[in-house]
Amino acid sequence: MPKYRRYNWPHLLSEFEKSELTQVEFCKQHNVNPKYFSIKLSERKKAQAKQAFATVVVQPHKEPTQPQPLDKLTIEIGQCKIHCPAAMSIPNLVALVKSLT
């Protein structure tokens, strides 16, 4: 019965990737079963592919369906802030802005 061998698979697979040998040639030189080597190499590539991508769930930005009514209006000029009711008439608002400038 053949002896069971333990291999340092990460090291062995990285050595294979550095070499320019085919899988069969590499396995012959290192006394490794080519079929088992191929399985281990496939597992490593799948694991690397999983680490390369991440699943991201994107939530669409929801705009409000109806604009919210304004209850007040704030006018800022320099360090001065004036809070006015939203129901203020346009002529009064224009007069206020003109008086501030």
PDB file of N, CA and C in Angstrom:
ATOM      1  N   MET A   1       0.845  -1.168   0.000  1.00  0.00           N
ATOM      2  CA  MET A   1       0.000   0.000   0.000  1.00  0.00           C
ATOM      3  C   MET A   1       0.898   1.241   0.000  1.00  0.00           C
ATOM      4  N   PRO A   2       0.584   2.209  -0.893  1.00  0.00           N
ATOM      5  CA  PRO A   2       1.430   3.407  -0.953  1.00  0.00           C
ATOM      6  C   PRO A   2       1.312   4.241   0.318  1.00  0.00           C
ATOM      7  N   LYS A   3       2.387   4.908   0.617  1.00  0.00           N
ATOM      8  CA  LYS A   3       2.451   5.729   1.817  1.00  0.00           C
ATOM      9  C   LYS A   3       1.713   7.062   1.575  1.00  0.00           C
ATOM     10  N   TYR A   4       0.926   7.482   2.552  1.00  0.00           N
ATOM     11  CA  TYR A   4       0.221   8.760   2.474  1.00  0.00           C
ATOM     12  C   TYR A   4       1.220   9.875   2.749  1.00  0.00           C
ATOM     13  N   ARG A   5       1.229  10.873   1.879  1.00  0.00           N
ATOM     14  CA  ARG A   5       2.158  11.995   2.043  1.00  0.00           C
ATOM     15  C   ARG A   5       1.380  13.261   2.355  1.00  0.00           C
ATOM     16  N   ARG A   6       1.935  14.055   3.201  1.00  0.00           N
ATOM     17  CA  ARG A   6       1.352  15.364   3.495  1.00  0.00           C
ATOM     18  C   ARG A   6       2.188  16.406   2.774  1.00  0.00           C
ATOM     19  N   TYR A   7       1.508  17.264   2.071  1.00  0.00           N
ATOM     20  CA  TYR A   7       2.191  18.321   1.333  1.00  0.00           C
ATOM     21  C   TYR A   7       1.799  19.677   1.902  1.00  0.00           C
ATOM     22  N   ASN A   8       2.724  20.590   1.784  1.00  0.00           N
ATOM     23  CA  ASN A   8       2.436  21.983   2.120  1.00  0.00           C
ATOM     24  C   ASN A   8       1.831  22.597   0.854  1.00  0.00           C
ATOM     25  N   TRP A   9       0.501  22.452   0.708  1.00  0.00           N
ATOM     26  CA  TRP A   9      -0.154  22.827  -0.540  1.00  0.00           C
ATOM     27  C   TRP A   9       0.007  24.294  -0.912  1.00  0.00           C
ATOM     28  N   PRO A  10      -0.140  25.236  -0.004  1.00  0.00           N
ATOM     29  CA  PRO A  10       0.057  26.633  -0.416  1.00  0.00           C
ATOM     30  C   PRO A  10       1.450  26.876  -0.997  1.00  0.00           C
ATOM     31  N   HIS A  11       2.463  26.295  -0.363  1.00  0.00           N
ATOM     32  CA  HIS A  11       3.835  26.452  -0.852  1.00  0.00           C
ATOM     33  C   HIS A  11       4.013  25.746  -2.195  1.00  0.00           C
ATOM     34  N   LEU A  12       3.512  24.528  -2.287  1.00  0.00           N
ATOM     35  CA  LEU A  12       3.654  23.740  -3.510  1.00  0.00           C
ATOM     36  C   LEU A  12       2.950  24.422  -4.687  1.00  0.00           C
ATOM     37  N   LEU A  13       1.757  24.947  -4.451  1.00  0.00           N
ATOM     38  CA  LEU A  13       1.017  25.611  -5.529  1.00  0.00           C
ATOM     39  C   LEU A  13       1.674  26.920  -5.950  1.00  0.00           C
ATOM     40  N   SER A  14       2.223  27.650  -5.001  1.00  0.00           N
ATOM     41  CA  SER A  14       2.920  28.887  -5.376  1.00  0.00           C
ATOM     42  C   SER A  14       4.205  28.582  -6.136  1.00  0.00           C
ATOM     43  N   GLU A  15       4.887  27.486  -5.782  1.00  0.00           N
ATOM     44  CA  GLU A  15       6.074  27.067  -6.536  1.00  0.00           C
ATOM     45  C   GLU A  15       5.694  26.705  -7.972  1.00  0.00           C
ATOM     46  N   PHE A  16       4.563  26.022  -8.128  1.00  0.00           N
ATOM     47  CA  PHE A  16       4.095  25.668  -9.472  1.00  0.00           C
ATOM     48  C   PHE A  16       3.810  26.924 -10.289  1.00  0.00           C
ATOM     49  N   GLU A  17       3.158  27.919  -9.675  1.00  0.00           N
ATOM     50  CA  GLU A  17       2.828  29.148 -10.397  1.00  0.00           C
ATOM     51  C   GLU A  17       4.077  29.925 -10.792  1.00  0.00           C
ATOM     52  N   LYS A  18       5.141  29.829  -9.991  1.00  0.00           N
ATOM     53  CA  LYS A  18       6.398  30.499 -10.324  1.00  0.00           C
ATOM     54  C   LYS A  18       7.134  29.779 -11.446  1.00  0.00           C
ATOM     55  N   SER A  19       6.996  28.458 -11.481  1.00  0.00           N
ATOM     56  CA  SER A  19       7.693  27.677 -12.509  1.00  0.00           C
ATOM     57  C   SER A  19       6.970  27.827 -13.844  1.00  0.00           C
ATOM     58  N   GLU A  20       7.646  27.515 -14.900  1.00  0.00           N
ATOM     59  CA  GLU A  20       7.031  27.567 -16.224  1.00  0.00           C
ATOM     60  C   GLU A  20       6.738  26.161 -16.721  1.00  0.00           C
ATOM     61  N   LEU A  21       6.565  25.230 -15.789  1.00  0.00           N
ATOM     62  CA  LEU A  21       6.309  23.837 -16.142  1.00  0.00           C
ATOM     63  C   LEU A  21       4.816  23.591 -16.298  1.00  0.00           C
ATOM     64  N   THR A  22       4.490  22.528 -17.040  1.00  0.00           N
ATOM     65  CA  THR A  22       3.098  22.094 -17.097  1.00  0.00           C
ATOM     66  C   THR A  22       2.773  21.392 -15.789  1.00  0.00           C
ATOM     67  N   GLN A  23       1.486  21.169 -15.544  1.00  0.00           N
ATOM     68  CA  GLN A  23       1.092  20.477 -14.312  1.00  0.00           C
ATOM     69  C   GLN A  23       1.703  19.081 -14.254  1.00  0.00           C
ATOM     70  N   VAL A  24       1.688  18.379 -15.385  1.00  0.00           N
ATOM     71  CA  VAL A  24       2.208  17.004 -15.419  1.00  0.00           C
ATOM     72  C   VAL A  24       3.699  16.987 -15.115  1.00  0.00           C
ATOM     73  N   GLU A  25       4.465  17.885 -15.739  1.00  0.00           N
ATOM     74  CA  GLU A  25       5.913  17.934 -15.502  1.00  0.00           C
ATOM     75  C   GLU A  25       6.213  18.280 -14.043  1.00  0.00           C
ATOM     76  N   PHE A  26       5.491  19.252 -13.515  1.00  0.00           N
ATOM     77  CA  PHE A  26       5.711  19.667 -12.130  1.00  0.00           C
ATOM     78  C   PHE A  26       5.406  18.518 -11.169  1.00  0.00           C
ATOM     79  N   CYS A  27       4.305  17.817 -11.418  1.00  0.00           N
ATOM     80  CA  CYS A  27       3.909  16.699 -10.549  1.00  0.00           C
ATOM     81  C   CYS A  27       4.932  15.566 -10.595  1.00  0.00           C
ATOM     82  N   LYS A  28       5.493  15.303 -11.770  1.00  0.00           N
ATOM     83  CA  LYS A  28       6.519  14.256 -11.884  1.00  0.00           C
ATOM     84  C   LYS A  28       7.750  14.630 -11.069  1.00  0.00           C
ATOM     85  N   GLN A  29       8.168  15.889 -11.175  1.00  0.00           N
ATOM     86  CA  GLN A  29       9.362  16.332 -10.453  1.00  0.00           C
ATOM     87  C   GLN A  29       9.166  16.300  -8.936  1.00  0.00           C
ATOM     88  N   HIS A  30       7.940  16.512  -8.466  1.00  0.00           N
ATOM     89  CA  HIS A  30       7.687  16.593  -7.024  1.00  0.00           C
ATOM     90  C   HIS A  30       6.953  15.371  -6.469  1.00  0.00           C
ATOM     91  N   ASN A  31       6.831  14.341  -7.287  1.00  0.00           N
ATOM     92  CA  ASN A  31       6.172  13.088  -6.877  1.00  0.00           C
ATOM     93  C   ASN A  31       4.766  13.328  -6.315  1.00  0.00           C
ATOM     94  N   VAL A  32       3.969  14.069  -7.065  1.00  0.00           N
ATOM     95  CA  VAL A  32       2.601  14.394  -6.661  1.00  0.00           C
ATOM     96  C   VAL A  32       1.645  13.796  -7.684  1.00  0.00           C
ATOM     97  N   ASN A  33       0.512  13.293  -7.215  1.00  0.00           N
ATOM     98  CA  ASN A  33      -0.511  12.758  -8.100  1.00  0.00           C
ATOM     99  C   ASN A  33      -1.094  13.917  -8.916  1.00  0.00           C
ATOM    100  N   PRO A  34      -1.007  13.879 -10.255  1.00  0.00           N
ATOM    101  CA  PRO A  34      -1.471  15.001 -11.079  1.00  0.00           C
ATOM    102  C   PRO A  34      -2.966  15.301 -10.926  1.00  0.00           C
ATOM    103  N   LYS A  35      -3.775  14.274 -10.739  1.00  0.00           N
ATOM    104  CA  LYS A  35      -5.222  14.503 -10.586  1.00  0.00           C
ATOM    105  C   LYS A  35      -5.516  15.239  -9.277  1.00  0.00           C
ATOM    106  N   TYR A  36      -4.872  14.794  -8.202  1.00  0.00           N
ATOM    107  CA  TYR A  36      -5.075  15.439  -6.906  1.00  0.00           C
ATOM    108  C   TYR A  36      -4.518  16.865  -6.926  1.00  0.00           C
ATOM    109  N   PHE A  37      -3.390  17.040  -7.607  1.00  0.00           N
ATOM    110  CA  PHE A  37      -2.793  18.367  -7.744  1.00  0.00           C
ATOM    111  C   PHE A  37      -3.758  19.301  -8.472  1.00  0.00           C
ATOM    112  N   SER A  38      -4.369  18.798  -9.526  1.00  0.00           N
ATOM    113  CA  SER A  38      -5.318  19.598 -10.296  1.00  0.00           C
ATOM    114  C   SER A  38      -6.514  20.013  -9.440  1.00  0.00           C
ATOM    115  N   ILE A  39      -6.989  19.108  -8.601  1.00  0.00           N
ATOM    116  CA  ILE A  39      -8.110  19.420  -7.702  1.00  0.00           C
ATOM    117  C   ILE A  39      -7.717  20.538  -6.732  1.00  0.00           C
ATOM    118  N   LYS A  40      -6.537  20.403  -6.137  1.00  0.00           N
ATOM    119  CA  LYS A  40      -6.071  21.411  -5.176  1.00  0.00           C
ATOM    120  C   LYS A  40      -5.879  22.774  -5.854  1.00  0.00           C
ATOM    121  N   LEU A  41      -5.371  22.762  -7.083  1.00  0.00           N
ATOM    122  CA  LEU A  41      -5.163  24.006  -7.818  1.00  0.00           C
ATOM    123  C   LEU A  41      -6.506  24.667  -8.128  1.00  0.00           C
ATOM    124  N   SER A  42      -7.494  23.879  -8.516  1.00  0.00           N
ATOM    125  CA  SER A  42      -8.838  24.417  -8.789  1.00  0.00           C
ATOM    126  C   SER A  42      -9.456  25.018  -7.532  1.00  0.00           C
ATOM    127  N   GLU A  43      -9.301  24.335  -6.406  1.00  0.00           N
ATOM    128  CA  GLU A  43      -9.838  24.843  -5.140  1.00  0.00           C
ATOM    129  C   GLU A  43      -9.202  26.181  -4.776  1.00  0.00           C
ATOM    130  N   ARG A  44      -7.905  26.291  -5.009  1.00  0.00           N
ATOM    131  CA  ARG A  44      -7.204  27.542  -4.695  1.00  0.00           C
ATOM    132  C   ARG A  44      -7.701  28.681  -5.587  1.00  0.00           C
ATOM    133  N   LYS A  45      -7.876  28.391  -6.875  1.00  0.00           N
ATOM    134  CA  LYS A  45      -8.345  29.431  -7.792  1.00  0.00           C
ATOM    135  C   LYS A  45      -9.763  29.882  -7.444  1.00  0.00           C
ATOM    136  N   LYS A  46     -10.619  28.946  -7.041  1.00  0.00           N
ATOM    137  CA  LYS A  46     -11.984  29.307  -6.635  1.00  0.00           C
ATOM    138  C   LYS A  46     -11.963  30.176  -5.383  1.00  0.00           C
ATOM    139  N   ALA A  47     -11.111  29.822  -4.430  1.00  0.00           N
ATOM    140  CA  ALA A  47     -11.013  30.597  -3.186  1.00  0.00           C
ATOM    141  C   ALA A  47     -10.503  32.010  -3.471  1.00  0.00           C
ATOM    142  N   GLN A  48      -9.533  32.130  -4.380  1.00  0.00           N
ATOM    143  CA  GLN A  48      -9.010  33.447  -4.734  1.00  0.00           C
ATOM    144  C   GLN A  48     -10.066  34.273  -5.454  1.00  0.00           C
ATOM    145  N   ALA A  49     -10.862  33.629  -6.306  1.00  0.00           N
ATOM    146  CA  ALA A  49     -11.917  34.347  -7.026  1.00  0.00           C
ATOM    147  C   ALA A  49     -12.986  34.856  -6.065  1.00  0.00           C
ATOM    148  N   LYS A  50     -13.304  34.076  -5.035  1.00  0.00           N
ATOM    149  CA  LYS A  50     -14.301  34.511  -4.051  1.00  0.00           C
ATOM    150  C   LYS A  50     -13.796  35.707  -3.259  1.00  0.00           C
ATOM    151  N   GLN A  51     -12.500  35.747  -2.971  1.00  0.00           N
ATOM    152  CA  GLN A  51     -11.936  36.851  -2.199  1.00  0.00           C
ATOM    153  C   GLN A  51     -11.839  38.118  -3.030  1.00  0.00           C
ATOM    154  N   ALA A  52     -11.783  37.986  -4.353  1.00  0.00           N
ATOM    155  CA  ALA A  52     -11.607  39.146  -5.215  1.00  0.00           C
ATOM    156  C   ALA A  52     -12.882  39.974  -5.343  1.00  0.00           C
ATOM    157  N   PHE A  53     -14.047  39.384  -5.111  1.00  0.00           N
ATOM    158  CA  PHE A  53     -15.307  40.086  -5.287  1.00  0.00           C
ATOM    159  C   PHE A  53     -16.117  40.065  -3.998  1.00  0.00           C
ATOM    160  N   ALA A  54     -16.852  41.121  -3.795  1.00  0.00           N
ATOM    161  CA  ALA A  54     -17.741  41.201  -2.635  1.00  0.00           C
ATOM    162  C   ALA A  54     -19.144  41.532  -3.119  1.00  0.00           C
ATOM    163  N   THR A  55     -20.122  40.951  -2.489  1.00  0.00           N
ATOM    164  CA  THR A  55     -21.502  41.234  -2.838  1.00  0.00           C
ATOM    165  C   THR A  55     -21.941  42.497  -2.111  1.00  0.00           C
ATOM    166  N   VAL A  56     -22.498  43.420  -2.866  1.00  0.00           N
ATOM    167  CA  VAL A  56     -22.955  44.683  -2.304  1.00  0.00           C
ATOM    168  C   VAL A  56     -24.419  44.869  -2.679  1.00  0.00           C
ATOM    169  N   VAL A  57     -25.236  45.178  -1.701  1.00  0.00           N
ATOM    170  CA  VAL A  57     -26.649  45.445  -1.958  1.00  0.00           C
ATOM    171  C   VAL A  57     -26.825  46.954  -2.042  1.00  0.00           C
ATOM    172  N   VAL A  58     -27.353  47.419  -3.159  1.00  0.00           N
ATOM    173  CA  VAL A  58     -27.535  48.846  -3.383  1.00  0.00           C
ATOM    174  C   VAL A  58     -29.007  49.187  -3.206  1.00  0.00           C
ATOM    175  N   GLN A  59     -29.268  50.143  -2.353  1.00  0.00           N
ATOM    176  CA  GLN A  59     -30.633  50.609  -2.138  1.00  0.00           C
ATOM    177  C   GLN A  59     -30.850  51.864  -2.981  1.00  0.00           C
ATOM    178  N   PRO A  60     -31.908  51.917  -3.771  1.00  0.00           N
ATOM    179  CA  PRO A  60     -32.152  53.123  -4.569  1.00  0.00           C
ATOM    180  C   PRO A  60     -32.510  54.303  -3.667  1.00  0.00           C
ATOM    181  N   HIS A  61     -32.072  55.468  -4.091  1.00  0.00           N
ATOM    182  CA  HIS A  61     -32.370  56.687  -3.344  1.00  0.00           C
ATOM    183  C   HIS A  61     -33.835  57.043  -3.581  1.00  0.00           C
ATOM    184  N   LYS A  62     -34.585  57.185  -2.516  1.00  0.00           N
ATOM    185  CA  LYS A  62     -36.012  57.480  -2.632  1.00  0.00           C
ATOM    186  C   LYS A  62     -36.241  58.976  -2.438  1.00  0.00           C
ATOM    187  N   GLU A  63     -36.793  59.584  -3.470  1.00  0.00           N
ATOM    188  CA  GLU A  63     -37.148  60.995  -3.395  1.00  0.00           C
ATOM    189  C   GLU A  63     -38.515  61.116  -2.730  1.00  0.00           C
ATOM    190  N   PRO A  64     -38.739  62.157  -1.957  1.00  0.00           N
ATOM    191  CA  PRO A  64     -40.079  62.328  -1.396  1.00  0.00           C
ATOM    192  C   PRO A  64     -41.092  62.556  -2.520  1.00  0.00           C
ATOM    193  N   THR A  65     -42.237  61.944  -2.388  1.00  0.00           N
ATOM    194  CA  THR A  65     -43.240  62.044  -3.447  1.00  0.00           C
ATOM    195  C   THR A  65     -43.890  63.415  -3.486  1.00  0.00           C
ATOM    196  N   GLN A  66     -44.046  64.061  -2.352  1.00  0.00           N
ATOM    197  CA  GLN A  66     -44.674  65.377  -2.297  1.00  0.00           C
ATOM    198  C   GLN A  66     -43.708  66.344  -1.626  1.00  0.00           C
ATOM    199  N   PRO A  67     -43.552  67.535  -2.181  1.00  0.00           N
ATOM    200  CA  PRO A  67     -42.684  68.500  -1.504  1.00  0.00           C
ATOM    201  C   PRO A  67     -43.289  68.903  -0.158  1.00  0.00           C
ATOM    202  N   GLN A  68     -42.419  69.081   0.797  1.00  0.00           N
ATOM    203  CA  GLN A  68     -42.863  69.465   2.135  1.00  0.00           C
ATOM    204  C   GLN A  68     -43.156  70.969   2.153  1.00  0.00           C
ATOM    205  N   PRO A  69     -44.271  71.381   2.700  1.00  0.00           N
ATOM    206  CA  PRO A  69     -44.580  72.818   2.741  1.00  0.00           C
ATOM    207  C   PRO A  69     -43.633  73.540   3.703  1.00  0.00           C
ATOM    208  N   LEU A  70     -43.285  74.756   3.314  1.00  0.00           N
ATOM    209  CA  LEU A  70     -42.405  75.566   4.156  1.00  0.00           C
ATOM    210  C   LEU A  70     -43.242  76.288   5.196  1.00  0.00           C
ATOM    211  N   ASP A  71     -42.773  76.282   6.414  1.00  0.00           N
ATOM    212  CA  ASP A  71     -43.494  77.023   7.444  1.00  0.00           C
ATOM    213  C   ASP A  71     -42.797  78.338   7.768  1.00  0.00           C
ATOM    214  N   LYS A  72     -41.538  78.448   7.346  1.00  0.00           N
ATOM    215  CA  LYS A  72     -40.826  79.708   7.547  1.00  0.00           C
ATOM    216  C   LYS A  72     -39.750  79.863   6.484  1.00  0.00           C
ATOM    217  N   LEU A  73     -39.295  81.074   6.323  1.00  0.00           N
ATOM    218  CA  LEU A  73     -38.280  81.419   5.346  1.00  0.00           C
ATOM    219  C   LEU A  73     -37.153  82.111   6.098  1.00  0.00           C
ATOM    220  N   THR A  74     -35.911  81.703   5.832  1.00  0.00           N
ATOM    221  CA  THR A  74     -34.770  82.310   6.508  1.00  0.00           C
ATOM    222  C   THR A  74     -33.933  83.049   5.476  1.00  0.00           C
ATOM    223  N   ILE A  75     -33.670  84.306   5.748  1.00  0.00           N
ATOM    224  CA  ILE A  75     -32.829  85.127   4.874  1.00  0.00           C
ATOM    225  C   ILE A  75     -31.533  85.372   5.627  1.00  0.00           C
ATOM    226  N   GLU A  76     -30.405  85.057   4.956  1.00  0.00           N
ATOM    227  CA  GLU A  76     -29.095  85.256   5.578  1.00  0.00           C
ATOM    228  C   GLU A  76     -28.296  86.245   4.750  1.00  0.00           C
ATOM    229  N   ILE A  77     -27.801  87.268   5.399  1.00  0.00           N
ATOM    230  CA  ILE A  77     -26.891  88.212   4.767  1.00  0.00           C
ATOM    231  C   ILE A  77     -25.768  88.434   5.767  1.00  0.00           C
ATOM    232  N   GLY A  78     -24.587  87.935   5.438  1.00  0.00           N
ATOM    233  CA  GLY A  78     -23.463  88.015   6.365  1.00  0.00           C
ATOM    234  C   GLY A  78     -23.761  87.201   7.606  1.00  0.00           C
ATOM    235  N   GLN A  79     -23.666  87.863   8.780  1.00  0.00           N
ATOM    236  CA  GLN A  79     -23.943  87.169  10.036  1.00  0.00           C
ATOM    237  C   GLN A  79     -25.385  87.376  10.495  1.00  0.00           C
ATOM    238  N   CYS A  80     -26.159  88.083   9.703  1.00  0.00           N
ATOM    239  CA  CYS A  80     -27.542  88.390  10.060  1.00  0.00           C
ATOM    240  C   CYS A  80     -28.485  87.342   9.481  1.00  0.00           C
ATOM    241  N   LYS A  81     -29.382  86.804  10.320  1.00  0.00           N
ATOM    242  CA  LYS A  81     -30.401  85.854   9.880  1.00  0.00           C
ATOM    243  C   LYS A  81     -31.765  86.414  10.244  1.00  0.00           C
ATOM    244  N   ILE A  82     -32.647  86.441   9.259  1.00  0.00           N
ATOM    245  CA  ILE A  82     -34.004  86.914   9.507  1.00  0.00           C
ATOM    246  C   ILE A  82     -34.956  85.779   9.177  1.00  0.00           C
ATOM    247  N   HIS A  83     -35.803  85.426  10.136  1.00  0.00           N
ATOM    248  CA  HIS A  83     -36.795  84.371   9.956  1.00  0.00           C
ATOM    249  C   HIS A  83     -38.138  85.028   9.666  1.00  0.00           C
ATOM    250  N   CYS A  84     -38.720  84.664   8.523  1.00  0.00           N
ATOM    251  CA  CYS A  84     -40.003  85.221   8.108  1.00  0.00           C
ATOM    252  C   CYS A  84     -41.006  84.096   7.942  1.00  0.00           C
ATOM    253  N   PRO A  85     -42.294  84.381   8.119  1.00  0.00           N
ATOM    254  CA  PRO A  85     -43.295  83.344   7.870  1.00  0.00           C
ATOM    255  C   PRO A  85     -43.367  83.032   6.377  1.00  0.00           C
ATOM    256  N   ALA A  86     -43.675  81.809   6.036  1.00  0.00           N
ATOM    257  CA  ALA A  86     -43.753  81.405   4.630  1.00  0.00           C
ATOM    258  C   ALA A  86     -44.910  82.091   3.920  1.00  0.00           C
ATOM    259  N   ALA A  87     -45.889  82.537   4.663  1.00  0.00           N
ATOM    260  CA  ALA A  87     -47.054  83.201   4.067  1.00  0.00           C
ATOM    261  C   ALA A  87     -46.790  84.675   3.761  1.00  0.00           C
ATOM    262  N   MET A  88     -45.590  85.153   3.972  1.00  0.00           N
ATOM    263  CA  MET A  88     -45.254  86.557   3.715  1.00  0.00           C
ATOM    264  C   MET A  88     -45.448  86.855   2.237  1.00  0.00           C
ATOM    265  N   SER A  89     -46.041  88.001   1.937  1.00  0.00           N
ATOM    266  CA  SER A  89     -46.315  88.343   0.532  1.00  0.00           C
ATOM    267  C   SER A  89     -45.020  88.681  -0.198  1.00  0.00           C
ATOM    268  N   ILE A  90     -45.031  88.488  -1.493  1.00  0.00           N
ATOM    269  CA  ILE A  90     -43.834  88.740  -2.309  1.00  0.00           C
ATOM    270  C   ILE A  90     -43.441  90.212  -2.267  1.00  0.00           C
ATOM    271  N   PRO A  91     -44.356  91.161  -2.389  1.00  0.00           N
ATOM    272  CA  PRO A  91     -43.929  92.573  -2.314  1.00  0.00           C
ATOM    273  C   PRO A  91     -43.259  92.914  -0.981  1.00  0.00           C
ATOM    274  N   ASN A  92     -43.779  92.370   0.120  1.00  0.00           N
ATOM    275  CA  ASN A  92     -43.149  92.626   1.427  1.00  0.00           C
ATOM    276  C   ASN A  92     -41.760  91.992   1.498  1.00  0.00           C
ATOM    277  N   LEU A  93     -41.599  90.800   0.915  1.00  0.00           N
ATOM    278  CA  LEU A  93     -40.305  90.119   0.896  1.00  0.00           C
ATOM    279  C   LEU A  93     -39.298  90.908   0.071  1.00  0.00           C
ATOM    280  N   VAL A  94     -39.730  91.415  -1.082  1.00  0.00           N
ATOM    281  CA  VAL A  94     -38.845  92.222  -1.940  1.00  0.00           C
ATOM    282  C   VAL A  94     -38.434  93.489  -1.208  1.00  0.00           C
ATOM    283  N   ALA A  95     -39.363  94.133  -0.543  1.00  0.00           N
ATOM    284  CA  ALA A  95     -39.054  95.355   0.199  1.00  0.00           C
ATOM    285  C   ALA A  95     -38.061  95.067   1.321  1.00  0.00           C
ATOM    286  N   LEU A  96     -38.226  93.940   1.992  1.00  0.00           N
ATOM    287  CA  LEU A  96     -37.312  93.567   3.075  1.00  0.00           C
ATOM    288  C   LEU A  96     -35.904  93.341   2.546  1.00  0.00           C
ATOM    289  N   VAL A  97     -35.778  92.607   1.453  1.00  0.00           N
ATOM    290  CA  VAL A  97     -34.456  92.326   0.878  1.00  0.00           C
ATOM    291  C   VAL A  97     -33.799  93.619   0.414  1.00  0.00           C
ATOM    292  N   LYS A  98     -34.563  94.520  -0.216  1.00  0.00           N
ATOM    293  CA  LYS A  98     -34.001  95.801  -0.675  1.00  0.00           C
ATOM    294  C   LYS A  98     -33.515  96.638   0.498  1.00  0.00           C
ATOM    295  N   SER A  99     -34.243  96.606   1.597  1.00  0.00           N
ATOM    296  CA  SER A  99     -33.839  97.411   2.747  1.00  0.00           C
ATOM    297  C   SER A  99     -32.579  96.863   3.422  1.00  0.00           C
ATOM    298  N   LEU A 100     -32.316  95.568   3.249  1.00  0.00           N
ATOM    299  CA  LEU A 100     -31.124  94.969   3.853  1.00  0.00           C
ATOM    300  C   LEU A 100     -29.863  95.198   3.025  1.00  0.00           C
ATOM    301  N   THR A 101     -30.013  95.491   1.749  1.00  0.00           N
ATOM    302  CA  THR A 101     -28.823  95.650   0.892  1.00  0.00           C
ATOM    303  C   THR A 101     -28.428  97.072   0.714  1.00  0.00           C
TER     304      THR A 101
END
